[in-house]
Amino acid sequence: IQKAILAENQRVGELSSKLLEKHSCPERAGGPGPDANSSLSKTPLCGIFVDFATASHRQKNRTQALKQKMRSAKLLRLIDMDFSFTFSLLDLPPVNEYDMYIRNFGKKNTKQAYIQCNEDSVDRDIQTEEVETREVWTQHPGEGTAVSGGSERSGPGDTAIVPKVDTPRLSGFLRAACQVMAVLLEED
């Protein structure tokens, strides 16, 4: 089959080259003129090559494309989108019991006529007594005799207790402690 295709292509090529020579010879002899241009426009200048391999390849591609098109049409008839069914992607349960009740029973031919809440009550009663407060400050470590203080109001029991400091005893303790610390530091 391949030999026959090649032989046909060679034969067509030879015929087209002969036709080309015939059309070009009168043009050379006669020179450019109106008759030479009109004869060239009526006949083709190049030969027609028939390529059976590409033709058969195109035919196979067409049949495959037609098969795919028919298959897609059949599948499209089978696949039909149903838009009547809807669902929620995020379904959070109600936070309190009342919302759960309304969710479960509020949609089924029921109507909420009244609710019981105390929105109408404008009066407010307070049954607590006011707490008495007082400002107090302290300083740590204490410097001097005043290490704490407060507001100027004085009542019973508001007397500030000033600690008694035994100065000679404190100075003796500090001297002894300093000597111990000095010895410990010198040993290193």
N, C-alpha and C. Protein backbone atom coordinates (compact mmCIF):
# COMPACT_ATOMS: atom_id res chain seq x y z
N ILE A 1 0.85 -1.19 0.00
CA ILE A 1 0.00 0.00 0.00
C ILE A 1 0.89 1.25 0.00
N GLN A 2 1.95 1.21 0.80
CA GLN A 2 2.86 2.36 0.86
C GLN A 2 3.53 2.60 -0.50
N LYS A 3 3.91 1.51 -1.19
CA LYS A 3 4.54 1.66 -2.51
C LYS A 3 3.57 2.28 -3.50
N ALA A 4 2.32 1.87 -3.43
CA ALA A 4 1.31 2.42 -4.35
C ALA A 4 1.09 3.90 -4.07
N ILE A 5 1.08 4.28 -2.80
CA ILE A 5 0.88 5.69 -2.44
C ILE A 5 2.06 6.53 -2.95
N LEU A 6 3.29 6.02 -2.77
CA LEU A 6 4.47 6.76 -3.24
C LEU A 6 4.49 6.86 -4.76
N ALA A 7 4.13 5.79 -5.45
CA ALA A 7 4.10 5.82 -6.92
C ALA A 7 3.07 6.83 -7.41
N GLU A 8 1.92 6.90 -6.77
CA GLU A 8 0.87 7.86 -7.16
C GLU A 8 1.35 9.29 -6.93
N ASN A 9 2.03 9.52 -5.83
CA ASN A 9 2.55 10.86 -5.55
C ASN A 9 3.61 11.27 -6.58
N GLN A 10 4.47 10.33 -7.02
CA GLN A 10 5.49 10.65 -8.02
C GLN A 10 4.85 10.95 -9.37
N ARG A 11 3.82 10.19 -9.73
CA ARG A 11 3.15 10.40 -11.02
C ARG A 11 2.46 11.76 -11.05
N VAL A 12 1.82 12.12 -9.94
CA VAL A 12 1.16 13.42 -9.87
C VAL A 12 2.20 14.54 -9.91
N GLY A 13 3.34 14.33 -9.27
CA GLY A 13 4.41 15.33 -9.27
C GLY A 13 4.97 15.54 -10.67
N GLU A 14 5.14 14.46 -11.44
CA GLU A 14 5.66 14.59 -12.81
C GLU A 14 4.66 15.32 -13.69
N LEU A 15 3.39 15.03 -13.54
CA LEU A 15 2.37 15.70 -14.36
C LEU A 15 2.31 17.19 -14.03
N SER A 16 2.42 17.52 -12.78
CA SER A 16 2.35 18.93 -12.41
C SER A 16 3.58 19.69 -12.91
N SER A 17 4.76 19.04 -12.90
CA SER A 17 5.96 19.71 -13.42
C SER A 17 5.86 19.91 -14.93
N LYS A 18 5.26 18.96 -15.67
CA LYS A 18 5.08 19.11 -17.12
C LYS A 18 4.12 20.25 -17.41
N LEU A 19 3.04 20.34 -16.64
CA LEU A 19 2.08 21.43 -16.85
C LEU A 19 2.73 22.78 -16.56
N LEU A 20 3.57 22.83 -15.59
CA LEU A 20 4.24 24.07 -15.23
C LEU A 20 5.19 24.50 -16.34
N GLU A 21 5.89 23.54 -16.95
CA GLU A 21 6.81 23.86 -18.05
C GLU A 21 6.04 24.36 -19.27
N LYS A 22 4.88 23.77 -19.55
CA LYS A 22 4.09 24.19 -20.71
C LYS A 22 3.61 25.62 -20.54
N HIS A 23 3.19 25.97 -19.36
CA HIS A 23 2.68 27.32 -19.13
C HIS A 23 3.79 28.35 -19.09
N SER A 24 4.98 27.97 -18.67
CA SER A 24 6.07 28.92 -18.57
C SER A 24 6.75 29.15 -19.92
N CYS A 25 6.76 28.18 -20.85
CA CYS A 25 7.40 28.33 -22.16
C CYS A 25 6.73 29.38 -23.03
N PRO A 26 5.41 29.41 -23.22
CA PRO A 26 4.80 30.45 -24.06
C PRO A 26 5.01 31.83 -23.46
N GLU A 27 5.13 31.92 -22.18
CA GLU A 27 5.32 33.22 -21.55
C GLU A 27 6.69 33.78 -21.91
N ARG A 28 7.72 32.89 -21.98
CA ARG A 28 9.05 33.33 -22.33
C ARG A 28 9.12 33.73 -23.81
N ALA A 29 8.48 32.95 -24.62
CA ALA A 29 8.55 33.21 -26.06
C ALA A 29 7.77 34.44 -26.44
N GLY A 30 6.57 34.58 -25.97
CA GLY A 30 5.70 35.67 -26.38
C GLY A 30 5.97 36.94 -25.62
N GLY A 31 6.62 36.84 -24.49
CA GLY A 31 6.87 38.02 -23.67
C GLY A 31 5.63 38.33 -22.87
N PRO A 32 5.75 39.32 -22.06
CA PRO A 32 4.59 39.67 -21.25
C PRO A 32 3.53 40.32 -22.10
N GLY A 33 2.37 39.80 -22.03
CA GLY A 33 1.25 40.35 -22.79
C GLY A 33 -0.04 39.99 -22.12
N PRO A 34 -1.14 40.52 -22.61
CA PRO A 34 -2.42 40.25 -21.99
C PRO A 34 -2.85 38.81 -22.14
N ASP A 35 -2.48 38.14 -23.22
CA ASP A 35 -2.90 36.75 -23.41
C ASP A 35 -2.15 35.81 -22.47
N ALA A 36 -0.91 36.09 -22.20
CA ALA A 36 -0.11 35.22 -21.33
C ALA A 36 -0.61 35.28 -19.89
N ASN A 37 -0.99 36.45 -19.41
CA ASN A 37 -1.50 36.59 -18.05
C ASN A 37 -2.85 35.91 -17.89
N SER A 38 -3.68 35.96 -18.91
CA SER A 38 -5.01 35.36 -18.81
C SER A 38 -4.92 33.84 -18.82
N SER A 39 -3.96 33.26 -19.55
CA SER A 39 -3.85 31.81 -19.58
C SER A 39 -3.30 31.27 -18.26
N LEU A 40 -2.43 32.04 -17.61
CA LEU A 40 -1.89 31.60 -16.33
C LEU A 40 -2.94 31.63 -15.23
N SER A 41 -3.84 32.58 -15.28
CA SER A 41 -4.84 32.69 -14.23
C SER A 41 -5.89 31.61 -14.33
N LYS A 42 -6.08 31.04 -15.52
CA LYS A 42 -7.12 30.02 -15.70
C LYS A 42 -6.65 28.64 -15.25
N THR A 43 -5.36 28.31 -15.38
CA THR A 43 -4.88 26.98 -15.03
C THR A 43 -4.01 27.06 -13.78
N PRO A 44 -4.04 26.02 -12.96
CA PRO A 44 -3.22 26.03 -11.75
C PRO A 44 -1.75 25.85 -12.09
N LEU A 45 -0.86 26.50 -11.30
CA LEU A 45 0.57 26.44 -11.55
C LEU A 45 1.22 25.22 -10.89
N CYS A 46 0.73 24.79 -9.76
CA CYS A 46 1.37 23.67 -9.07
C CYS A 46 0.47 22.45 -9.10
N GLY A 47 1.08 21.30 -8.98
CA GLY A 47 0.33 20.05 -9.01
C GLY A 47 -0.29 19.75 -7.66
N ILE A 48 -1.27 18.88 -7.68
CA ILE A 48 -1.97 18.51 -6.46
C ILE A 48 -1.41 17.18 -5.99
N PHE A 49 -0.89 17.18 -4.73
CA PHE A 49 -0.38 15.95 -4.14
C PHE A 49 -1.45 15.37 -3.23
N VAL A 50 -1.71 14.10 -3.38
CA VAL A 50 -2.68 13.43 -2.53
C VAL A 50 -1.89 12.61 -1.51
N ASP A 51 -2.06 12.96 -0.25
CA ASP A 51 -1.36 12.26 0.82
C ASP A 51 -2.38 11.39 1.54
N PHE A 52 -2.32 10.11 1.27
CA PHE A 52 -3.31 9.20 1.83
C PHE A 52 -3.10 8.96 3.33
N ALA A 53 -1.87 9.08 3.81
CA ALA A 53 -1.59 8.84 5.23
C ALA A 53 -2.26 9.91 6.10
N THR A 54 -2.10 11.18 5.69
CA THR A 54 -2.73 12.24 6.49
C THR A 54 -4.24 12.20 6.35
N ALA A 55 -4.73 11.81 5.17
CA ALA A 55 -6.18 11.71 4.98
C ALA A 55 -6.76 10.62 5.88
N SER A 56 -6.09 9.49 5.95
CA SER A 56 -6.61 8.41 6.81
C SER A 56 -6.48 8.80 8.29
N HIS A 57 -5.41 9.53 8.62
CA HIS A 57 -5.24 10.01 10.01
C HIS A 57 -6.36 10.99 10.38
N ARG A 58 -6.68 11.90 9.46
CA ARG A 58 -7.79 12.84 9.70
C ARG A 58 -9.12 12.10 9.85
N GLN A 59 -9.31 11.08 9.03
CA GLN A 59 -10.55 10.31 9.10
C GLN A 59 -10.68 9.61 10.45
N LYS A 60 -9.56 9.06 10.96
CA LYS A 60 -9.59 8.40 12.27
C LYS A 60 -9.89 9.42 13.37
N ASN A 61 -9.27 10.59 13.26
CA ASN A 61 -9.53 11.63 14.27
C ASN A 61 -11.00 12.06 14.25
N ARG A 62 -11.55 12.18 13.06
CA ARG A 62 -12.97 12.56 12.95
C ARG A 62 -13.88 11.51 13.56
N THR A 63 -13.58 10.24 13.30
CA THR A 63 -14.44 9.19 13.86
C THR A 63 -14.31 9.14 15.39
N GLN A 64 -13.09 9.33 15.90
CA GLN A 64 -12.92 9.35 17.35
C GLN A 64 -13.64 10.54 17.98
N ALA A 65 -13.55 11.70 17.33
CA ALA A 65 -14.24 12.89 17.85
C ALA A 65 -15.75 12.69 17.82
N LEU A 66 -16.24 12.05 16.75
CA LEU A 66 -17.67 11.79 16.65
C LEU A 66 -18.12 10.81 17.74
N LYS A 67 -17.31 9.78 18.00
CA LYS A 67 -17.65 8.82 19.07
C LYS A 67 -17.67 9.52 20.43
N GLN A 68 -16.68 10.38 20.68
CA GLN A 68 -16.64 11.10 21.95
C GLN A 68 -17.83 12.04 22.10
N LYS A 69 -18.20 12.68 21.00
CA LYS A 69 -19.34 13.59 21.04
C LYS A 69 -20.64 12.84 21.33
N MET A 70 -20.80 11.69 20.70
CA MET A 70 -22.01 10.89 20.93
C MET A 70 -22.04 10.37 22.37
N ARG A 71 -20.88 9.93 22.87
CA ARG A 71 -20.81 9.43 24.25
C ARG A 71 -21.13 10.55 25.24
N SER A 72 -20.59 11.75 24.99
CA SER A 72 -20.87 12.85 25.91
C SER A 72 -22.34 13.24 25.87
N ALA A 73 -22.96 13.16 24.70
CA ALA A 73 -24.39 13.47 24.61
C ALA A 73 -25.22 12.45 25.39
N LYS A 74 -24.84 11.17 25.29
CA LYS A 74 -25.56 10.13 26.04
C LYS A 74 -25.37 10.31 27.55
N LEU A 75 -24.14 10.59 27.96
CA LEU A 75 -23.89 10.80 29.38
C LEU A 75 -24.58 12.05 29.91
N LEU A 76 -24.66 13.07 29.09
CA LEU A 76 -25.32 14.30 29.51
C LEU A 76 -26.81 14.08 29.76
N ARG A 77 -27.40 13.19 28.98
CA ARG A 77 -28.81 12.85 29.22
C ARG A 77 -28.97 12.09 30.54
N LEU A 78 -27.97 11.26 30.89
CA LEU A 78 -28.05 10.50 32.14
C LEU A 78 -27.75 11.38 33.36
N ILE A 79 -26.83 12.30 33.21
CA ILE A 79 -26.45 13.17 34.33
C ILE A 79 -27.33 14.41 34.28
N ASP A 80 -28.19 14.52 35.26
CA ASP A 80 -29.06 15.69 35.34
C ASP A 80 -28.93 16.26 36.74
N MET A 81 -28.61 17.54 36.84
CA MET A 81 -28.44 18.18 38.14
C MET A 81 -29.81 18.43 38.77
N ASP A 82 -29.93 18.03 40.02
CA ASP A 82 -31.17 18.23 40.76
C ASP A 82 -30.98 19.40 41.71
N PHE A 83 -31.58 20.53 41.37
CA PHE A 83 -31.44 21.74 42.19
C PHE A 83 -32.55 21.88 43.21
N SER A 84 -33.46 20.93 43.29
CA SER A 84 -34.56 21.03 44.24
C SER A 84 -34.12 20.69 45.67
N PHE A 85 -33.04 19.93 45.79
CA PHE A 85 -32.56 19.51 47.11
C PHE A 85 -31.49 20.48 47.59
N THR A 86 -31.70 21.06 48.77
CA THR A 86 -30.71 21.97 49.34
C THR A 86 -30.37 21.50 50.75
N PHE A 87 -29.17 21.80 51.19
CA PHE A 87 -28.77 21.47 52.55
C PHE A 87 -27.81 22.54 53.05
N SER A 88 -27.69 22.58 54.35
CA SER A 88 -26.83 23.58 54.99
C SER A 88 -25.49 22.95 55.33
N LEU A 89 -24.41 23.64 55.01
CA LEU A 89 -23.08 23.12 55.30
C LEU A 89 -22.73 23.27 56.78
N LEU A 90 -23.22 24.32 57.42
CA LEU A 90 -22.92 24.57 58.82
C LEU A 90 -24.23 24.58 59.59
N ASP A 91 -24.43 23.58 60.42
CA ASP A 91 -25.66 23.48 61.19
C ASP A 91 -25.31 23.50 62.67
N LEU A 92 -25.39 24.67 63.28
CA LEU A 92 -25.08 24.81 64.70
C LEU A 92 -26.34 24.60 65.53
N PRO A 93 -26.26 23.84 66.60
CA PRO A 93 -27.44 23.67 67.46
C PRO A 93 -27.71 24.96 68.23
N PRO A 94 -28.97 25.18 68.63
CA PRO A 94 -29.31 26.39 69.38
C PRO A 94 -28.59 26.44 70.72
N VAL A 95 -28.40 27.66 71.21
CA VAL A 95 -27.63 27.86 72.43
C VAL A 95 -28.48 27.54 73.66
N ASN A 96 -29.72 27.99 73.69
CA ASN A 96 -30.53 27.76 74.89
C ASN A 96 -31.77 26.92 74.55
N GLU A 97 -32.51 26.55 75.56
CA GLU A 97 -33.66 25.65 75.39
C GLU A 97 -34.79 26.30 74.61
N TYR A 98 -35.00 27.60 74.82
CA TYR A 98 -36.08 28.30 74.13
C TYR A 98 -35.85 28.29 72.62
N ASP A 99 -34.61 28.56 72.20
CA ASP A 99 -34.30 28.52 70.77
C ASP A 99 -34.47 27.12 70.21
N MET A 100 -34.14 26.10 71.00
CA MET A 100 -34.34 24.71 70.56
C MET A 100 -35.82 24.41 70.37
N TYR A 101 -36.65 24.89 71.30
CA TYR A 101 -38.10 24.69 71.20
C TYR A 101 -38.65 25.37 69.95
N ILE A 102 -38.26 26.61 69.71
CA ILE A 102 -38.74 27.33 68.53
C ILE A 102 -38.25 26.65 67.26
N ARG A 103 -37.03 26.15 67.27
CA ARG A 103 -36.50 25.47 66.09
C ARG A 103 -37.28 24.19 65.78
N ASN A 104 -37.60 23.42 66.81
CA ASN A 104 -38.27 22.14 66.60
C ASN A 104 -39.76 22.29 66.33
N PHE A 105 -40.41 23.19 67.06
CA PHE A 105 -41.86 23.25 66.97
C PHE A 105 -42.38 24.53 66.33
N GLY A 106 -41.53 25.47 66.02
CA GLY A 106 -41.99 26.75 65.48
C GLY A 106 -42.27 26.73 64.00
N LYS A 107 -41.89 25.70 63.30
CA LYS A 107 -42.06 25.67 61.85
C LYS A 107 -43.25 24.85 61.39
N LYS A 108 -43.79 24.03 62.25
CA LYS A 108 -44.82 23.08 61.83
C LYS A 108 -46.21 23.62 62.14
N ASN A 109 -46.69 24.53 61.32
CA ASN A 109 -48.05 25.09 61.43
C ASN A 109 -48.34 25.63 62.82
N THR A 110 -47.36 26.16 63.48
CA THR A 110 -47.58 26.77 64.79
C THR A 110 -47.21 28.23 64.71
N LYS A 111 -47.79 28.96 65.62
CA LYS A 111 -47.57 30.40 65.64
C LYS A 111 -47.31 30.83 67.07
N GLN A 112 -46.30 31.63 67.27
CA GLN A 112 -45.97 32.09 68.60
C GLN A 112 -46.78 33.35 68.88
N ALA A 113 -47.73 33.24 69.80
CA ALA A 113 -48.62 34.36 70.09
C ALA A 113 -48.10 35.21 71.23
N TYR A 114 -47.69 34.59 72.31
CA TYR A 114 -47.25 35.34 73.49
C TYR A 114 -45.93 34.77 74.00
N ILE A 115 -45.18 35.64 74.63
CA ILE A 115 -43.98 35.19 75.31
C ILE A 115 -44.02 35.72 76.73
N GLN A 116 -43.38 35.02 77.62
CA GLN A 116 -43.38 35.44 79.02
C GLN A 116 -41.98 35.93 79.37
N CYS A 117 -41.84 37.23 79.35
CA CYS A 117 -40.60 37.83 79.81
C CYS A 117 -40.95 39.16 80.47
N ASN A 118 -40.06 39.67 81.24
CA ASN A 118 -40.35 40.84 82.05
C ASN A 118 -39.86 42.12 81.38
N GLU A 119 -40.19 42.30 80.09
CA GLU A 119 -39.77 43.50 79.38
C GLU A 119 -40.58 44.72 79.80
N ASP A 120 -41.81 44.51 80.32
CA ASP A 120 -42.68 45.63 80.66
C ASP A 120 -42.30 46.27 81.99
N SER A 121 -41.56 45.57 82.82
CA SER A 121 -41.24 46.09 84.14
C SER A 121 -40.21 47.21 84.03
N VAL A 122 -40.67 48.44 84.42
CA VAL A 122 -39.80 49.60 84.34
C VAL A 122 -39.18 49.88 85.71
N ASP A 123 -39.91 49.56 86.80
CA ASP A 123 -39.42 49.81 88.15
C ASP A 123 -38.36 48.79 88.52
N ARG A 124 -37.37 49.30 89.29
CA ARG A 124 -36.31 48.40 89.73
C ARG A 124 -36.11 48.61 91.22
N ASP A 125 -36.04 47.54 91.94
CA ASP A 125 -35.82 47.60 93.39
C ASP A 125 -34.44 47.05 93.69
N ILE A 126 -33.75 47.75 94.58
CA ILE A 126 -32.43 47.30 95.01
C ILE A 126 -32.51 47.03 96.50
N GLN A 127 -32.09 45.86 96.91
CA GLN A 127 -32.18 45.48 98.32
C GLN A 127 -30.81 45.34 98.96
N THR A 128 -29.84 46.07 98.49
CA THR A 128 -28.51 46.00 99.10
C THR A 128 -28.20 47.32 99.78
N GLU A 129 -27.41 47.25 100.81
CA GLU A 129 -27.01 48.46 101.52
C GLU A 129 -25.67 48.94 100.97
N GLU A 130 -25.46 50.23 101.07
CA GLU A 130 -24.22 50.80 100.56
C GLU A 130 -23.07 50.40 101.48
N VAL A 131 -21.98 50.01 100.89
CA VAL A 131 -20.81 49.57 101.64
C VAL A 131 -19.93 50.78 101.89
N GLU A 132 -19.51 50.93 103.14
CA GLU A 132 -18.62 52.04 103.48
C GLU A 132 -17.19 51.65 103.15
N THR A 133 -16.50 52.57 102.51
CA THR A 133 -15.11 52.31 102.13
C THR A 133 -14.21 53.38 102.71
N ARG A 134 -12.95 53.07 102.81
CA ARG A 134 -11.97 54.01 103.35
C ARG A 134 -10.64 53.76 102.64
N GLU A 135 -9.89 54.83 102.35
CA GLU A 135 -8.59 54.70 101.69
C GLU A 135 -7.51 54.52 102.74
N VAL A 136 -6.63 53.58 102.49
CA VAL A 136 -5.53 53.30 103.40
C VAL A 136 -4.28 53.06 102.57
N TRP A 137 -3.13 53.53 103.05
CA TRP A 137 -1.88 53.27 102.35
C TRP A 137 -0.84 52.77 103.32
N THR A 138 0.13 52.05 102.76
CA THR A 138 1.24 51.57 103.58
C THR A 138 2.53 51.76 102.82
N GLN A 139 3.64 51.74 103.57
CA GLN A 139 4.95 51.86 102.95
C GLN A 139 5.83 50.75 103.49
N HIS A 140 6.45 50.02 102.58
CA HIS A 140 7.31 48.93 103.02
C HIS A 140 8.63 49.04 102.32
N PRO A 141 9.72 49.00 102.85
CA PRO A 141 9.99 48.99 104.28
C PRO A 141 9.68 50.36 104.87
N GLY A 142 9.28 50.34 106.07
CA GLY A 142 8.87 51.58 106.73
C GLY A 142 10.04 52.49 107.01
N GLU A 143 9.91 53.75 106.70
CA GLU A 143 10.93 54.75 107.00
C GLU A 143 10.34 55.74 107.99
N GLY A 144 10.84 55.78 109.13
CA GLY A 144 10.33 56.69 110.15
C GLY A 144 9.19 56.06 110.92
N THR A 145 8.46 56.91 111.63
CA THR A 145 7.38 56.41 112.48
C THR A 145 6.09 56.21 111.72
N ALA A 146 5.88 56.90 110.57
CA ALA A 146 4.63 56.78 109.82
C ALA A 146 4.83 55.78 108.69
N VAL A 147 4.32 54.58 108.84
CA VAL A 147 4.42 53.56 107.80
C VAL A 147 3.08 53.27 107.17
N SER A 148 2.02 53.85 107.68
CA SER A 148 0.69 53.67 107.09
C SER A 148 -0.11 54.92 107.34
N GLY A 149 -1.15 55.09 106.54
CA GLY A 149 -2.02 56.25 106.69
C GLY A 149 -3.32 56.00 105.99
N GLY A 150 -4.20 56.99 106.02
CA GLY A 150 -5.48 56.82 105.37
C GLY A 150 -6.19 58.14 105.23
N SER A 151 -7.51 58.05 105.06
CA SER A 151 -8.31 59.26 104.89
C SER A 151 -8.38 60.03 106.20
N GLU A 152 -8.80 61.26 106.13
CA GLU A 152 -8.82 62.14 107.29
C GLU A 152 -9.93 61.81 108.27
N ARG A 153 -10.96 61.10 107.80
CA ARG A 153 -12.06 60.77 108.72
C ARG A 153 -11.56 59.83 109.80
N SER A 154 -11.82 60.19 110.97
CA SER A 154 -11.40 59.30 112.06
C SER A 154 -12.63 58.89 112.84
N GLY A 155 -12.67 57.65 113.14
CA GLY A 155 -13.79 57.12 113.91
C GLY A 155 -13.24 56.29 115.04
N PRO A 156 -14.11 55.61 115.74
CA PRO A 156 -13.62 54.75 116.81
C PRO A 156 -12.82 53.60 116.22
N GLY A 157 -11.65 53.36 116.73
CA GLY A 157 -10.82 52.26 116.26
C GLY A 157 -9.96 52.64 115.07
N ASP A 158 -9.97 53.93 114.67
CA ASP A 158 -9.16 54.35 113.55
C ASP A 158 -7.78 54.83 113.98
N THR A 159 -7.45 54.68 115.21
CA THR A 159 -6.16 55.16 115.69
C THR A 159 -5.06 54.30 115.10
N ALA A 160 -4.08 54.96 114.55
CA ALA A 160 -2.97 54.25 113.94
C ALA A 160 -2.04 53.74 115.02
N ILE A 161 -1.68 52.51 114.91
CA ILE A 161 -0.79 51.90 115.89
C ILE A 161 0.63 52.14 115.42
N VAL A 162 1.39 52.86 116.23
CA VAL A 162 2.78 53.14 115.90
C VAL A 162 3.63 52.08 116.57
N PRO A 163 4.41 51.35 115.81
CA PRO A 163 5.21 50.30 116.44
C PRO A 163 6.34 50.90 117.28
N LYS A 164 6.61 50.24 118.37
CA LYS A 164 7.70 50.68 119.23
C LYS A 164 8.99 50.05 118.71
N VAL A 165 10.00 50.88 118.60
CA VAL A 165 11.28 50.40 118.09
C VAL A 165 12.32 50.54 119.19
N ASP A 166 12.99 49.43 119.50
CA ASP A 166 14.06 49.44 120.49
C ASP A 166 15.36 49.70 119.73
N THR A 167 15.76 50.95 119.69
CA THR A 167 16.89 51.37 118.88
C THR A 167 18.21 50.77 119.33
N PRO A 168 18.56 50.75 120.61
CA PRO A 168 19.85 50.16 121.01
C PRO A 168 19.92 48.68 120.68
N ARG A 169 18.83 47.96 120.85
CA ARG A 169 18.83 46.52 120.55
C ARG A 169 19.00 46.30 119.05
N LEU A 170 18.31 47.12 118.21
CA LEU A 170 18.41 47.00 116.75
C LEU A 170 19.84 47.28 116.29
N SER A 171 20.47 48.30 116.83
CA SER A 171 21.84 48.63 116.41
C SER A 171 22.82 47.53 116.81
N GLY A 172 22.63 46.89 117.95
CA GLY A 172 23.48 45.78 118.37
C GLY A 172 23.34 44.60 117.43
N PHE A 173 22.13 44.30 117.04
CA PHE A 173 21.89 43.19 116.10
C PHE A 173 22.55 43.47 114.76
N LEU A 174 22.42 44.68 114.27
CA LEU A 174 23.00 45.02 112.98
C LEU A 174 24.52 44.94 113.01
N ARG A 175 25.17 45.38 114.12
CA ARG A 175 26.63 45.29 114.23
C ARG A 175 27.08 43.83 114.16
N ALA A 176 26.39 42.96 114.89
CA ALA A 176 26.77 41.54 114.91
C ALA A 176 26.57 40.91 113.53
N ALA A 177 25.48 41.26 112.88
CA ALA A 177 25.19 40.70 111.55
C ALA A 177 26.22 41.18 110.54
N CYS A 178 26.64 42.42 110.64
CA CYS A 178 27.63 42.96 109.70
C CYS A 178 28.98 42.28 109.88
N GLN A 179 29.36 41.98 111.10
CA GLN A 179 30.62 41.30 111.35
C GLN A 179 30.60 39.89 110.74
N VAL A 180 29.48 39.20 110.91
CA VAL A 180 29.36 37.85 110.34
C VAL A 180 29.46 37.91 108.82
N MET A 181 28.81 38.88 108.21
CA MET A 181 28.83 39.01 106.75
C MET A 181 30.23 39.33 106.26
N ALA A 182 30.96 40.18 106.98
CA ALA A 182 32.32 40.54 106.58
C ALA A 182 33.23 39.32 106.62
N VAL A 183 33.10 38.49 107.65
CA VAL A 183 33.92 37.28 107.76
C VAL A 183 33.61 36.33 106.62
N LEU A 184 32.34 36.16 106.30
CA LEU A 184 31.95 35.25 105.21
C LEU A 184 32.47 35.74 103.86
N LEU A 185 32.45 37.03 103.66
CA LEU A 185 32.93 37.56 102.38
C LEU A 185 34.44 37.46 102.25
N GLU A 186 35.18 37.58 103.36
CA GLU A 186 36.64 37.49 103.31
C GLU A 186 37.11 36.07 103.08
N GLU A 187 36.35 35.07 103.45
CA GLU A 187 36.77 33.68 103.29
C GLU A 187 36.83 33.26 101.83
N ASP A 188 36.08 33.87 100.98
CA ASP A 188 36.09 33.49 99.56
C ASP A 188 37.39 33.92 98.97
